[in-house]
């Protein structure tokens, strides 16, 4: 059984992927922010996946989703 990757290893892998996509012009601060955003999104996806596996999901309400997106964009 292998040990889970450390946060530093995850960040390294993220940087490798960003560089491979040509994102070599961004600042270190912006790279850290992107990494943190990506990490938060992946955590949310893990939670949603676990909820779906437990049968705790509900049908997608597109109107509600669009409303939430519009609210966030307006901030």
Protein backbone atom coordinates (compact mmCIF):
# COMPACT_ATOMS: atom_id res chain seq x y z
CA UNK A 1 0.00 0.00 0.00
CA UNK A 2 1.50 3.31 -1.02
CA UNK A 3 1.31 6.48 1.00
CA UNK A 4 -0.81 9.33 -0.35
CA UNK A 5 1.13 12.15 -2.03
CA UNK A 6 2.10 15.13 0.09
CA UNK A 7 0.76 18.58 -0.66
CA UNK A 8 4.18 19.53 -2.00
CA UNK A 9 4.13 16.57 -4.37
CA UNK A 10 0.63 17.49 -5.53
CA UNK A 11 1.76 21.07 -6.13
CA UNK A 12 4.79 19.84 -8.08
CA UNK A 13 2.53 17.69 -10.28
CA UNK A 14 0.19 20.65 -10.76
CA UNK A 15 3.12 22.84 -11.85
CA UNK A 16 4.32 20.19 -14.28
CA UNK A 17 0.83 20.04 -15.83
CA UNK A 18 0.59 23.84 -16.01
CA UNK A 19 3.99 24.08 -17.74
CA UNK A 20 3.03 21.31 -20.16
CA UNK A 21 -0.05 23.38 -21.08
CA UNK A 22 2.16 26.39 -21.79
CA UNK A 23 1.24 28.28 -18.61
CA UNK A 24 4.84 29.31 -17.90
CA UNK A 25 4.21 33.06 -17.80
CA UNK A 26 2.19 33.23 -14.57
CA UNK A 27 3.57 34.36 -11.22
CA UNK A 28 4.24 31.99 -8.36
CA UNK A 29 1.41 33.63 -6.40
CA UNK A 30 -1.05 33.02 -9.23
CA UNK A 31 0.13 29.42 -9.59
CA UNK A 32 -0.48 28.88 -5.86
CA UNK A 33 -3.98 30.41 -6.14
CA UNK A 34 -4.81 28.19 -9.13
CA UNK A 35 -3.54 25.14 -7.27
CA UNK A 36 -5.69 25.99 -4.23
CA UNK A 37 -8.74 26.57 -6.45
CA UNK A 38 -8.16 23.26 -8.20
CA UNK A 39 -7.74 21.50 -4.86
CA UNK A 40 -11.01 22.96 -3.53
CA UNK A 41 -12.85 21.91 -6.70
CA UNK A 42 -11.49 18.37 -6.48
CA UNK A 43 -12.57 18.19 -2.82
CA UNK A 44 -16.09 19.28 -3.81
CA UNK A 45 -16.15 16.66 -6.56
CA UNK A 46 -15.06 13.97 -4.08
CA UNK A 47 -17.90 14.97 -1.75
CA UNK A 48 -20.42 14.94 -4.60
CA UNK A 49 -19.20 11.55 -5.78
CA UNK A 50 -19.55 10.09 -2.28
CA UNK A 51 -23.06 11.54 -1.97
CA UNK A 52 -24.03 10.05 -5.33
CA UNK A 53 -22.68 6.65 -4.28
CA UNK A 54 -24.85 6.84 -1.15
CA UNK A 55 -27.89 7.77 -3.25
CA UNK A 56 -28.02 11.29 -1.83
CA UNK A 57 -28.11 13.08 -5.17
CA UNK A 58 -31.02 14.88 -6.75
CA UNK A 59 -31.93 15.77 -10.32
CA UNK A 60 -30.01 18.66 -11.85
CA UNK A 61 -31.98 21.91 -11.76
CA UNK A 62 -30.47 23.93 -14.62
CA UNK A 63 -32.39 27.10 -13.76
CA UNK A 64 -31.16 27.01 -10.16
CA UNK A 65 -27.61 26.36 -11.33
CA UNK A 66 -27.69 29.25 -13.81
CA UNK A 67 -29.03 31.56 -11.11
CA UNK A 68 -26.19 30.60 -8.75
CA UNK A 69 -23.61 31.10 -11.50
CA UNK A 70 -25.02 34.53 -12.36
CA UNK A 71 -24.87 35.51 -8.68
CA UNK A 72 -21.22 34.48 -8.43
CA UNK A 73 -20.27 36.28 -11.63
CA UNK A 74 -21.94 39.45 -10.36
CA UNK A 75 -19.74 39.48 -7.22
